[in-house]
């Protein structure tokens, strides 16, 4: 039994070894076959590659020959083209050389002519110099003879003639100025009177001066104590909420409200009157009444602005500008209500514009807005003219309106008829009797300044401001100022007053010159 197993094992091992050997032999045969196939494939590929390379070399050689032929043809063509171009340039150069040669010949001829002319001019110049020398000699001899005859030297004679000529020119200048001014003044005054009279007749506006403080009447003096409150709490609340000073003095049954802002003063006045009428005065009630008064004043401002725009017949005005116009209802200038003044200027400017045949709407618009800067001039730095110009530019007003605002006080020279009309209407409205008032101190200073300006001029002996500053009467020294010089002096003094003083209307400059002879019979 063991032998059988061993035999079986040996047989199995022999079969395994035999199969392995058979596999190795078969693998080697397969590898040998694939190698032969690969060698055959490589041999055919190399042959194909050699054939392709050979064909490529043949094609490249033929292409090279074709390109060489084309290059030779192109070179030949370009050579012919260059030769033709060179030939043309040579012809052109020869033609230009001929032209230059002709020009040189022409210039040579001209130079010869100029040289001949220069010789002739030099010859004539020498002759002229000789003649001038003779004339100068004769002139000197004549001057010497004239000096002997007249007894004056040349300088003395010159000064004498200039003095005579200056006197004659001064006389003619004064006479001409007087004639022209008289003619233009007569024509302009007549037309201006007609125009202004017509405008004023058609624009009847009441003028009432207003004060810059508000006085609140009290039912009795005991109310002062209630308004002051315990330890002054009520009066402090009112002043804090309104920004207005309450002046409580010995004035019977009255309290004075003082503030630079008229809107605040009006709010305080309304609130205080309602508190007095209500009788309940304490901080909470004061705050409530001040708020009500503020709303009421704001509504009034809006209504007044809309009323001004409606009555002047204007359209397209910004609501913000309407509010600013409404604020002018509480603004005064020299005691004159600025909103009423602005409306009057608008009416006057519009009427005069219609008479002159220009657009009255632009004139009314410029007149209404000319003092718009006064609505906020206490809040913004600068003059009311500058502020008004900035406001007009901000709300896209026309150039004509902006220029009229800028020129209505002479800050710039008026360049349009509308600006001149607004300037005239502003002066008319401000100069009406009772339209404005000014305090005594500023009035006296203006009169003193008027006399001071007149006394600055040479030849003025004394001056007197009369007729409430509407006229300055000047007495001149007759030995210094003659009749002709009076006209010029009056004009210079008027110009000086215009440049240094601000005043409503116009000022008459009246010069007086007199010679007195006094003797006594004994």
Protein backbone atom coordinates (compact mmCIF):
# COMPACT_ATOMS: atom_id res chain seq x y z
CA UNK A 1 0.00 0.00 0.00
CA UNK A 2 2.74 2.46 0.77
CA UNK A 3 4.39 1.64 -2.50
CA UNK A 4 1.23 2.42 -4.38
CA UNK A 5 0.97 5.80 -2.67
CA UNK A 6 4.55 6.54 -3.40
CA UNK A 7 4.09 5.53 -7.01
CA UNK A 8 1.08 7.74 -7.26
CA UNK A 9 3.00 10.63 -5.77
CA UNK A 10 5.91 10.05 -8.11
CA UNK A 11 3.54 9.92 -11.07
CA UNK A 12 1.81 13.15 -9.94
CA UNK A 13 5.16 14.82 -9.47
CA UNK A 14 6.25 13.63 -12.87
CA UNK A 15 3.09 14.96 -14.44
CA UNK A 16 3.54 18.33 -12.73
CA UNK A 17 7.18 18.55 -13.80
CA UNK A 18 6.28 17.50 -17.29
CA UNK A 19 3.53 20.07 -17.56
CA UNK A 20 5.89 22.76 -16.27
CA UNK A 21 8.53 21.77 -18.80
CA UNK A 22 5.90 21.67 -21.56
CA UNK A 23 4.73 25.17 -20.50
CA UNK A 24 8.25 26.52 -20.57
CA UNK A 25 8.89 25.05 -24.00
CA UNK A 26 5.57 26.40 -25.27
CA UNK A 27 6.39 29.88 -23.79
CA UNK A 28 9.78 29.91 -25.46
CA UNK A 29 8.24 28.90 -28.77
CA UNK A 30 5.61 31.69 -28.40
CA UNK A 31 8.27 34.24 -27.59
CA UNK A 32 10.34 33.12 -30.56
CA UNK A 33 7.31 33.42 -32.83
CA UNK A 34 6.39 36.89 -31.55
CA UNK A 35 9.98 38.00 -31.96
CA UNK A 36 9.96 36.88 -35.56
CA UNK A 37 6.63 38.64 -36.17
CA UNK A 38 7.98 41.82 -34.50
CA UNK A 39 11.18 41.69 -36.53
CA UNK A 40 9.17 41.27 -39.73
CA UNK A 41 6.95 44.25 -38.71
CA UNK A 42 9.98 46.42 -37.86
CA UNK A 43 11.61 45.51 -41.14
CA UNK A 44 8.54 46.54 -43.11
CA UNK A 45 8.20 49.77 -41.03
CA UNK A 46 11.84 50.68 -41.69
CA UNK A 47 11.33 50.08 -45.38
CA UNK A 48 8.22 52.25 -45.36
CA UNK A 49 10.06 54.94 -43.41
CA UNK A 50 12.92 54.92 -45.89
CA UNK A 51 10.45 55.20 -48.74
CA UNK A 52 8.66 58.18 -47.05
CA UNK A 53 11.97 59.92 -46.30
CA UNK A 54 13.08 59.40 -49.86
CA UNK A 55 9.85 60.84 -51.22
CA UNK A 56 10.07 63.80 -48.76
CA UNK A 57 13.64 64.54 -49.85
CA UNK A 58 12.63 64.43 -53.50
CA UNK A 59 9.63 66.77 -52.83
CA UNK A 60 11.80 69.13 -50.78
CA UNK A 61 14.39 69.27 -53.55
CA UNK A 62 11.75 70.10 -56.15
CA UNK A 63 10.17 72.71 -53.81
CA UNK A 64 13.59 74.23 -53.21
CA UNK A 65 14.16 74.58 -56.91
CA UNK A 66 10.74 76.20 -57.40
CA UNK A 67 11.34 78.68 -54.55
CA UNK A 68 14.77 79.57 -55.88
CA UNK A 69 13.23 80.33 -59.24
CA UNK A 70 10.50 82.45 -57.65
CA UNK A 71 13.06 84.32 -55.51
CA UNK A 72 15.18 85.05 -58.56
CA UNK A 73 12.07 86.34 -60.39
CA UNK A 74 11.12 88.55 -57.42
CA UNK A 75 14.67 89.92 -57.11
CA UNK A 76 14.69 90.70 -60.79
CA UNK A 77 11.32 92.43 -60.58
CA UNK A 78 12.35 94.50 -57.53
CA UNK A 79 15.62 95.45 -59.24
CA UNK A 80 13.68 96.75 -62.21
CA UNK A 81 11.31 98.63 -59.92
CA UNK A 82 14.18 100.23 -57.98
CA UNK A 83 15.93 101.24 -61.18
CA UNK A 84 12.74 102.85 -62.45
CA UNK A 85 12.21 104.70 -59.15
CA UNK A 86 15.85 105.87 -59.07
CA UNK A 87 15.51 107.14 -62.59
CA UNK A 88 12.36 109.10 -61.69
CA UNK A 89 14.06 110.60 -58.61
CA UNK A 90 17.05 111.64 -60.68
CA UNK A 91 14.73 113.40 -63.09
CA UNK A 92 12.94 115.13 -60.20
CA UNK A 93 16.25 116.17 -58.61
CA UNK A 94 17.45 117.60 -61.89
CA UNK A 95 14.21 119.55 -62.24
CA UNK A 96 14.55 120.96 -58.68
CA UNK A 97 18.18 121.85 -59.33
CA UNK A 98 17.12 123.84 -62.38
CA UNK A 99 14.46 125.66 -60.30
CA UNK A 100 16.98 126.44 -57.54
CA UNK A 101 19.42 127.75 -60.10
CA UNK A 102 16.70 130.02 -61.53
CA UNK A 103 15.84 131.27 -58.02
CA UNK A 104 19.48 131.98 -57.28
CA UNK A 105 19.74 134.00 -60.44
CA UNK A 106 16.57 135.94 -59.51
CA UNK A 107 17.89 136.58 -55.98
CA UNK A 108 21.20 137.81 -57.38
CA UNK A 109 19.34 140.29 -59.56
CA UNK A 110 17.21 141.47 -56.61
CA UNK A 111 20.28 141.86 -54.40
CA UNK A 112 21.89 144.01 -57.07
CA UNK A 113 18.73 146.16 -57.24
CA UNK A 114 18.61 146.48 -53.43
CA UNK A 115 22.24 147.51 -53.30
CA UNK A 116 21.58 150.19 -55.87
CA UNK A 117 18.52 151.41 -53.90
CA UNK A 118 20.52 151.43 -50.65
CA UNK A 119 23.14 153.60 -52.29
CA UNK A 120 20.42 155.98 -53.49
CA UNK A 121 18.77 156.04 -50.02
CA UNK A 122 22.09 156.75 -48.31
CA UNK A 123 22.68 159.57 -50.71
CA UNK A 124 19.20 161.03 -50.08
CA UNK A 125 19.61 160.54 -46.29
CA UNK A 126 22.78 162.60 -46.36
CA UNK A 127 20.94 165.30 -48.27
CA UNK A 128 18.05 165.23 -45.75
CA UNK A 129 20.47 165.40 -42.81
CA UNK A 130 22.09 168.44 -44.36
CA UNK A 131 18.65 170.04 -44.81
CA UNK A 132 17.68 169.20 -41.21
CA UNK A 133 20.89 170.74 -39.95
CA UNK A 134 20.11 173.92 -41.89
CA UNK A 135 16.52 173.90 -40.56
CA UNK A 136 17.74 173.38 -36.99
CA UNK A 137 20.18 176.24 -37.39
CA UNK A 138 17.43 178.50 -38.77
CA UNK A 139 15.05 177.38 -35.97
CA UNK A 140 17.65 178.23 -33.33
CA UNK A 141 18.19 181.64 -34.89
CA UNK A 142 14.40 182.25 -34.96
CA UNK A 143 14.05 181.22 -31.29
CA UNK A 144 16.87 183.56 -30.33
CA UNK A 145 15.17 186.41 -32.17
CA UNK A 146 11.79 185.55 -30.58
CA UNK A 147 13.33 185.47 -27.08
CA UNK A 148 14.87 188.89 -27.71
CA UNK A 149 11.56 190.30 -29.00
CA UNK A 150 9.21 188.72 -26.36
CA UNK A 151 11.52 188.89 -23.38
CA UNK A 152 10.67 185.21 -22.51
CA UNK A 153 12.94 182.21 -22.60
CA UNK A 154 11.70 179.08 -24.41
CA UNK A 155 10.76 177.38 -21.11
CA UNK A 156 8.93 180.46 -19.86
CA UNK A 157 7.02 180.77 -23.11
CA UNK A 158 6.07 177.08 -22.94
CA UNK A 159 4.78 177.41 -19.37
CA UNK A 160 2.82 180.51 -20.32
CA UNK A 161 1.16 178.81 -23.29
CA UNK A 162 0.33 175.68 -21.25
CA UNK A 163 -1.25 177.82 -18.54
CA UNK A 164 -3.40 179.67 -21.07
CA UNK A 165 -4.37 176.35 -22.71
CA UNK A 166 -5.21 174.79 -19.32
CA UNK A 167 -7.50 177.68 -18.39
CA UNK A 168 -9.24 177.51 -21.76
CA UNK A 169 -9.66 173.71 -21.47
CA UNK A 170 -11.01 173.98 -17.90
CA UNK A 171 -13.55 176.54 -19.06
CA UNK A 172 -14.56 174.48 -22.10
CA UNK A 173 -14.71 171.29 -20.01
CA UNK A 174 -16.93 172.87 -17.36
CA UNK A 175 -19.17 174.44 -19.95
CA UNK A 176 -19.49 171.19 -21.90
CA UNK A 177 -20.20 169.20 -18.72
CA UNK A 178 -22.83 171.71 -17.68
CA UNK A 179 -24.51 171.63 -21.09
CA UNK A 180 -24.51 167.84 -21.38
CA UNK A 181 -25.60 167.29 -17.77
CA UNK A 182 -28.35 169.87 -18.09
CA UNK A 183 -29.64 168.29 -21.29
CA UNK A 184 -29.52 164.71 -20.03
CA UNK A 185 -30.80 165.68 -16.59
CA UNK A 186 -33.77 167.46 -18.08
CA UNK A 187 -34.66 164.55 -20.37
CA UNK A 188 -33.93 161.82 -17.82
CA UNK A 189 -35.67 163.63 -14.95
CA UNK A 190 -38.78 164.20 -16.99
CA UNK A 191 -39.00 160.60 -18.16
CA UNK A 192 -38.08 159.21 -14.75
CA UNK A 193 -40.67 161.41 -13.02
CA UNK A 194 -43.38 160.24 -15.41
CA UNK A 195 -42.37 156.61 -15.02
CA UNK A 196 -42.01 156.67 -11.23
CA UNK A 197 -45.15 158.76 -10.71
CA UNK A 198 -47.15 156.35 -12.83
CA UNK A 199 -45.74 153.37 -10.95
CA UNK A 200 -46.39 154.90 -7.51
CA UNK A 201 -49.94 155.91 -8.45
CA UNK A 202 -50.71 152.37 -9.52
CA UNK A 203 -49.06 150.83 -6.46
CA UNK A 204 -50.76 152.21 -3.37
CA UNK A 205 -49.28 150.35 -0.42
CA UNK A 206 -49.67 151.44 3.18
CA UNK A 207 -46.43 151.91 5.07
CA UNK A 208 -46.44 151.56 8.83
CA UNK A 209 -43.25 151.48 10.84
CA UNK A 210 -42.80 148.63 13.27
CA UNK A 211 -40.72 148.32 16.41
CA UNK A 212 -37.99 145.81 16.99
CA UNK A 213 -39.29 144.88 20.44
CA UNK A 214 -42.63 143.46 21.55
CA UNK A 215 -44.60 144.71 24.54
CA UNK A 216 -47.10 142.37 26.17
CA UNK A 217 -49.81 144.15 28.21
CA UNK A 218 -50.70 142.70 31.62
CA UNK A 219 -54.07 142.85 33.37
CA UNK A 220 -52.32 143.95 36.60
CA UNK A 221 -48.86 144.18 38.13
CA UNK A 222 -49.47 141.04 40.23
CA UNK A 223 -49.17 139.04 36.97
CA UNK A 224 -45.46 139.94 36.82
CA UNK A 225 -44.81 137.87 39.92
CA UNK A 226 -46.69 134.88 38.52
CA UNK A 227 -44.74 135.12 35.25
CA UNK A 228 -41.46 135.20 37.20
CA UNK A 229 -42.57 132.21 39.30
CA UNK A 230 -41.09 130.69 42.39
CA UNK A 231 -37.35 131.41 42.38
CA UNK A 232 -37.71 132.54 38.76
CA UNK A 233 -38.54 129.10 37.35
CA UNK A 234 -41.34 130.34 35.05
CA UNK A 235 -39.35 133.16 33.46
CA UNK A 236 -36.33 130.86 33.02
CA UNK A 237 -38.55 128.28 31.31
CA UNK A 238 -39.98 130.90 28.94
CA UNK A 239 -36.55 132.33 28.08
CA UNK A 240 -35.02 128.86 27.62
CA UNK A 241 -37.82 127.54 25.39
CA UNK A 242 -38.15 130.67 23.21
CA UNK A 243 -34.63 132.16 23.25
CA UNK A 244 -36.13 135.58 24.09
CA UNK A 245 -35.21 137.93 26.92
CA UNK A 246 -38.11 139.04 29.13
CA UNK A 247 -37.55 142.52 30.51
CA UNK A 248 -39.66 143.07 33.62
CA UNK A 249 -39.09 146.57 34.95
CA UNK A 250 -41.10 149.35 36.56
CA UNK A 251 -43.24 149.85 33.46
CA UNK A 252 -46.80 149.48 34.76
CA UNK A 253 -48.82 146.53 33.49
CA UNK A 254 -46.39 145.61 30.69
CA UNK A 255 -43.56 143.19 29.92
CA UNK A 256 -41.03 143.81 27.14
CA UNK A 257 -39.78 140.97 24.93
CA UNK A 258 -36.37 141.47 23.32
CA UNK A 259 -34.68 139.27 20.72
CA UNK A 260 -32.64 139.66 17.54
CA UNK A 261 -34.86 137.00 15.91
CA UNK A 262 -38.36 138.37 15.18
CA UNK A 263 -39.79 134.87 14.74
CA UNK A 264 -38.70 133.86 18.23
CA UNK A 265 -40.06 137.13 19.60
CA UNK A 266 -43.44 136.50 17.97
CA UNK A 267 -43.58 132.93 19.34
CA UNK A 268 -42.81 134.25 22.82
CA UNK A 269 -45.43 137.01 22.51
CA UNK A 270 -48.20 134.62 21.45
CA UNK A 271 -47.29 132.07 24.12
CA UNK A 272 -47.12 134.71 26.86
CA UNK A 273 -50.44 136.28 25.90
CA UNK A 274 -52.12 132.86 26.00
CA UNK A 275 -50.54 132.00 29.34
CA UNK A 276 -51.79 135.30 30.77
CA UNK A 277 -55.26 134.70 29.35
CA UNK A 278 -55.31 131.08 30.61
CA UNK A 279 -53.97 131.97 34.08
CA UNK A 280 -52.18 128.64 34.58
CA UNK A 281 -48.48 129.47 34.47
CA UNK A 282 -46.04 126.69 35.28
CA UNK A 283 -43.16 125.05 33.29
CA UNK A 284 -45.23 122.22 31.80
CA UNK A 285 -47.97 124.63 30.67
CA UNK A 286 -45.35 127.05 29.36
CA UNK A 287 -43.79 124.29 27.23
CA UNK A 288 -47.21 123.35 25.83
CA UNK A 289 -48.12 126.96 24.97
CA UNK A 290 -44.72 127.65 23.37
CA UNK A 291 -45.10 124.58 21.16
CA UNK A 292 -48.60 125.68 20.11
CA UNK A 293 -47.37 129.19 19.40
CA UNK A 294 -44.47 127.78 17.33
CA UNK A 295 -46.86 125.72 15.19
CA UNK A 296 -49.11 128.74 14.74
CA UNK A 297 -46.21 130.97 13.70
CA UNK A 298 -44.94 128.34 11.25
CA UNK A 299 -48.42 128.14 9.71
CA UNK A 300 -48.54 131.93 9.51
CA UNK A 301 -45.10 131.98 7.84
CA UNK A 302 -46.29 129.53 5.21
CA UNK A 303 -49.52 131.49 4.61
CA UNK A 304 -47.68 134.82 4.35
CA UNK A 305 -45.20 133.38 1.86
CA UNK A 306 -47.97 131.93 -0.27
CA UNK A 307 -49.88 135.22 -0.04
CA UNK A 308 -46.87 137.22 -1.23
CA UNK A 309 -46.33 134.88 -4.19
CA UNK A 310 -50.03 134.89 -5.08
CA UNK A 311 -50.47 138.66 -4.86
CA UNK A 312 -47.39 139.34 -6.99
CA UNK A 313 -48.64 136.86 -9.61
CA UNK A 314 -45.54 134.66 -9.70
CA UNK A 315 -45.33 130.93 -10.42
CA UNK A 316 -42.74 128.20 -10.02
CA UNK A 317 -41.26 129.51 -6.78
CA UNK A 318 -39.81 126.83 -4.51
CA UNK A 319 -41.76 126.07 -1.28
CA UNK A 320 -38.54 126.68 0.67
CA UNK A 321 -38.30 130.19 -0.77
CA UNK A 322 -41.97 130.74 0.15
CA UNK A 323 -41.10 129.87 3.76
CA UNK A 324 -38.21 132.33 3.70
CA UNK A 325 -40.57 135.00 2.31
CA UNK A 326 -43.01 134.21 5.12
CA UNK A 327 -40.23 134.75 7.67
CA UNK A 328 -39.80 138.27 6.29
CA UNK A 329 -43.30 139.00 7.62
CA UNK A 330 -41.70 139.16 11.08
CA UNK A 331 -38.52 140.95 9.92
CA UNK A 332 -38.15 144.72 10.01
CA UNK A 333 -35.51 147.06 8.57
CA UNK A 334 -35.39 150.59 9.97
CA UNK A 335 -38.86 149.80 11.33
CA UNK A 336 -40.20 148.87 7.86
CA UNK A 337 -41.77 145.44 7.39
CA UNK A 338 -39.45 143.65 4.97
CA UNK A 339 -42.12 141.42 3.39
CA UNK A 340 -44.39 144.40 2.62
CA UNK A 341 -41.35 146.29 1.36
CA UNK A 342 -40.37 143.37 -0.92
CA UNK A 343 -43.91 143.13 -2.32
CA UNK A 344 -43.97 146.88 -2.96
CA UNK A 345 -40.60 146.69 -4.75
CA UNK A 346 -41.97 143.82 -6.85
CA UNK A 347 -45.07 145.84 -7.81
CA UNK A 348 -43.07 149.00 -8.62
CA UNK A 349 -40.44 147.13 -10.64
CA UNK A 350 -43.11 145.22 -12.57
CA UNK A 351 -45.06 148.38 -13.42
CA UNK A 352 -41.95 150.24 -14.57
CA UNK A 353 -40.85 147.19 -16.62
CA UNK A 354 -44.24 147.14 -18.37
CA UNK A 355 -43.89 150.85 -19.19
CA UNK A 356 -40.44 150.22 -20.65
CA UNK A 357 -41.62 147.25 -22.71
CA UNK A 358 -39.66 144.49 -20.96
CA UNK A 359 -40.84 141.34 -19.20
CA UNK A 360 -42.64 142.43 -15.99
CA UNK A 361 -42.65 138.91 -14.50
CA UNK A 362 -38.84 138.81 -14.23
CA UNK A 363 -38.85 142.30 -12.70
CA UNK A 364 -41.52 141.33 -10.12
CA UNK A 365 -39.67 138.12 -9.27
CA UNK A 366 -36.39 139.95 -8.77
CA UNK A 367 -38.12 142.65 -6.72
CA UNK A 368 -39.83 140.13 -4.45
CA UNK A 369 -36.62 138.17 -3.82
CA UNK A 370 -34.16 141.07 -3.61
CA UNK A 371 -34.11 141.05 0.24
CA UNK A 372 -34.60 137.27 0.69
CA UNK A 373 -31.23 137.10 2.50
CA UNK A 374 -32.67 139.11 5.43
CA UNK A 375 -34.77 136.08 6.39
CA UNK A 376 -31.65 134.27 7.66
CA UNK A 377 -28.99 136.98 7.93
CA UNK A 378 -28.97 136.58 11.74
CA UNK A 379 -28.16 132.86 11.34
CA UNK A 380 -25.59 132.94 8.50
CA UNK A 381 -22.47 135.08 8.27
CA UNK A 382 -22.30 137.66 5.50
CA UNK A 383 -24.40 140.52 4.20
CA UNK A 384 -28.01 139.94 3.23
CA UNK A 385 -27.00 140.53 -0.41
CA UNK A 386 -24.44 137.69 -0.39
CA UNK A 387 -26.84 135.38 1.46
CA UNK A 388 -29.67 136.24 -0.96
CA UNK A 389 -27.44 135.46 -3.97
CA UNK A 390 -26.49 132.08 -2.46
CA UNK A 391 -30.15 131.24 -1.79
CA UNK A 392 -31.18 132.22 -5.35
CA UNK A 393 -28.39 130.07 -6.82
CA UNK A 394 -29.32 127.15 -4.56
CA UNK A 395 -32.92 127.15 -5.79
CA UNK A 396 -31.97 127.60 -9.48
CA UNK A 397 -33.23 131.14 -10.01
CA UNK A 398 -32.40 132.78 -13.35
CA UNK A 399 -29.24 134.81 -13.92
CA UNK A 400 -31.31 138.00 -14.29
CA UNK A 401 -32.85 137.54 -10.82
CA UNK A 402 -29.49 136.63 -9.22
CA UNK A 403 -27.79 139.69 -10.76
CA UNK A 404 -30.63 141.98 -9.63
CA UNK A 405 -30.27 140.70 -6.04
CA UNK A 406 -26.51 141.17 -6.21
CA UNK A 407 -26.71 144.72 -7.60
CA UNK A 408 -29.65 146.22 -5.68
CA UNK A 409 -27.32 147.88 -3.12
CA UNK A 410 -24.54 148.67 -5.60
CA UNK A 411 -22.26 145.80 -4.52
CA UNK A 412 -21.73 145.20 -8.25
CA UNK A 413 -22.44 147.45 -11.21
CA UNK A 414 -25.97 146.78 -12.58
CA UNK A 415 -25.71 145.37 -16.10
CA UNK A 416 -29.39 144.76 -16.91
CA UNK A 417 -32.49 146.93 -17.02
CA UNK A 418 -34.16 144.63 -14.49
CA UNK A 419 -31.34 145.23 -11.99
CA UNK A 420 -31.66 149.01 -12.46
CA UNK A 421 -35.44 148.84 -11.99
CA UNK A 422 -35.13 146.79 -8.78
CA UNK A 423 -32.52 149.25 -7.49
CA UNK A 424 -34.84 152.21 -8.27
CA UNK A 425 -37.93 150.50 -6.82
CA UNK A 426 -36.01 149.63 -3.64
CA UNK A 427 -34.97 153.28 -3.23
CA UNK A 428 -38.53 154.51 -3.88
CA UNK A 429 -40.03 152.12 -1.33
CA UNK A 430 -37.42 152.98 1.30
CA UNK A 431 -37.56 156.75 0.70
CA UNK A 432 -41.33 157.17 1.06
CA UNK A 433 -42.30 159.49 3.93
CA UNK A 434 -42.95 157.37 7.01
CA UNK A 435 -41.64 154.19 5.40
CA UNK A 436 -38.53 154.02 7.53
CA UNK A 437 -37.21 155.39 10.73
CA UNK A 438 -33.74 155.42 12.18
CA UNK A 439 -32.50 156.16 15.66
CA UNK A 440 -31.19 159.59 16.51
CA UNK A 441 -27.59 158.46 16.94
CA UNK A 442 -27.23 156.90 13.46
CA UNK A 443 -29.08 159.87 11.93
CA UNK A 444 -26.65 162.39 13.48
CA UNK A 445 -23.66 160.27 12.45
CA UNK A 446 -24.87 160.26 8.84
CA UNK A 447 -25.21 164.06 8.83
CA UNK A 448 -21.76 164.48 10.37
CA UNK A 449 -20.24 162.12 7.81
CA UNK A 450 -21.92 164.08 5.02
CA UNK A 451 -20.37 167.35 6.19
CA UNK A 452 -17.01 165.63 6.77
CA UNK A 453 -16.88 164.37 3.17
CA UNK A 454 -17.65 167.83 1.80
CA UNK A 455 -14.99 169.50 3.98
CA UNK A 456 -12.27 167.17 2.64
CA UNK A 457 -12.07 168.97 -0.73
CA UNK A 458 -9.69 171.84 -1.34
CA UNK A 459 -11.38 175.23 -1.60
CA UNK A 460 -14.35 174.32 0.64
CA UNK A 461 -14.81 176.84 3.46
CA UNK A 462 -17.81 175.37 5.29
CA UNK A 463 -20.57 172.84 4.68
CA UNK A 464 -24.00 172.29 6.20
CA UNK A 465 -26.21 169.18 5.99
CA UNK A 466 -29.81 170.42 5.86
CA UNK A 467 -33.31 169.12 5.10
CA UNK A 468 -32.80 165.96 7.17
CA UNK A 469 -29.70 165.06 5.16
CA UNK A 470 -31.39 165.42 1.77
CA UNK A 471 -29.16 168.37 0.87
CA UNK A 472 -25.63 169.46 1.68
CA UNK A 473 -24.98 173.18 1.23
CA UNK A 474 -21.30 173.97 0.63
CA UNK A 475 -19.68 177.43 0.76
CA UNK A 476 -16.47 177.60 -1.32
CA UNK A 477 -13.61 180.12 -1.26
CA UNK A 478 -14.02 182.41 -4.28
CA UNK A 479 -10.30 183.12 -4.57
CA UNK A 480 -9.58 179.36 -5.00
CA UNK A 481 -12.66 178.00 -6.82
CA UNK A 482 -13.94 179.86 -9.88
CA UNK A 483 -17.32 179.43 -11.55
CA UNK A 484 -16.08 176.79 -13.99
CA UNK A 485 -14.38 174.73 -11.28
CA UNK A 486 -17.59 174.71 -9.20
CA UNK A 487 -19.26 172.37 -11.69
CA UNK A 488 -16.39 169.90 -11.53
CA UNK A 489 -16.13 170.15 -7.72
CA UNK A 490 -19.87 169.49 -7.28
CA UNK A 491 -19.56 166.38 -9.44
CA UNK A 492 -16.55 165.11 -7.47
CA UNK A 493 -18.27 165.66 -4.11
CA UNK A 494 -21.40 163.83 -5.34
CA UNK A 495 -19.27 160.87 -6.47
CA UNK A 496 -17.49 160.81 -3.10
CA UNK A 497 -20.84 160.77 -1.25
CA UNK A 498 -22.15 157.96 -3.47
CA UNK A 499 -19.09 155.85 -2.75
CA UNK A 500 -18.86 156.38 1.02
CA UNK A 501 -22.43 156.74 2.35
CA UNK A 502 -25.56 154.60 2.39
CA UNK A 503 -28.75 156.65 2.32
CA UNK A 504 -32.31 156.39 1.00
CA UNK A 505 -33.30 158.49 -2.01
CA UNK A 506 -30.87 161.14 -3.21
CA UNK A 507 -28.77 163.97 -1.73
CA UNK A 508 -28.56 167.38 -3.37
CA UNK A 509 -25.04 168.89 -3.51
CA UNK A 510 -25.46 172.67 -3.53
CA UNK A 511 -22.29 174.81 -3.96
CA UNK A 512 -22.34 178.56 -3.12
CA UNK A 513 -19.66 181.02 -4.25
CA UNK A 514 -19.92 184.75 -3.61
CA UNK A 515 -17.75 187.86 -3.48
CA UNK A 516 -18.75 190.63 -1.10
CA UNK A 517 -17.62 194.27 -1.18
CA UNK A 518 -18.32 196.28 1.99
CA UNK A 519 -17.66 199.97 2.52
CA UNK A 520 -18.95 202.67 4.82
CA UNK A 521 -19.95 206.26 3.98
CA UNK A 522 -18.76 208.69 6.61
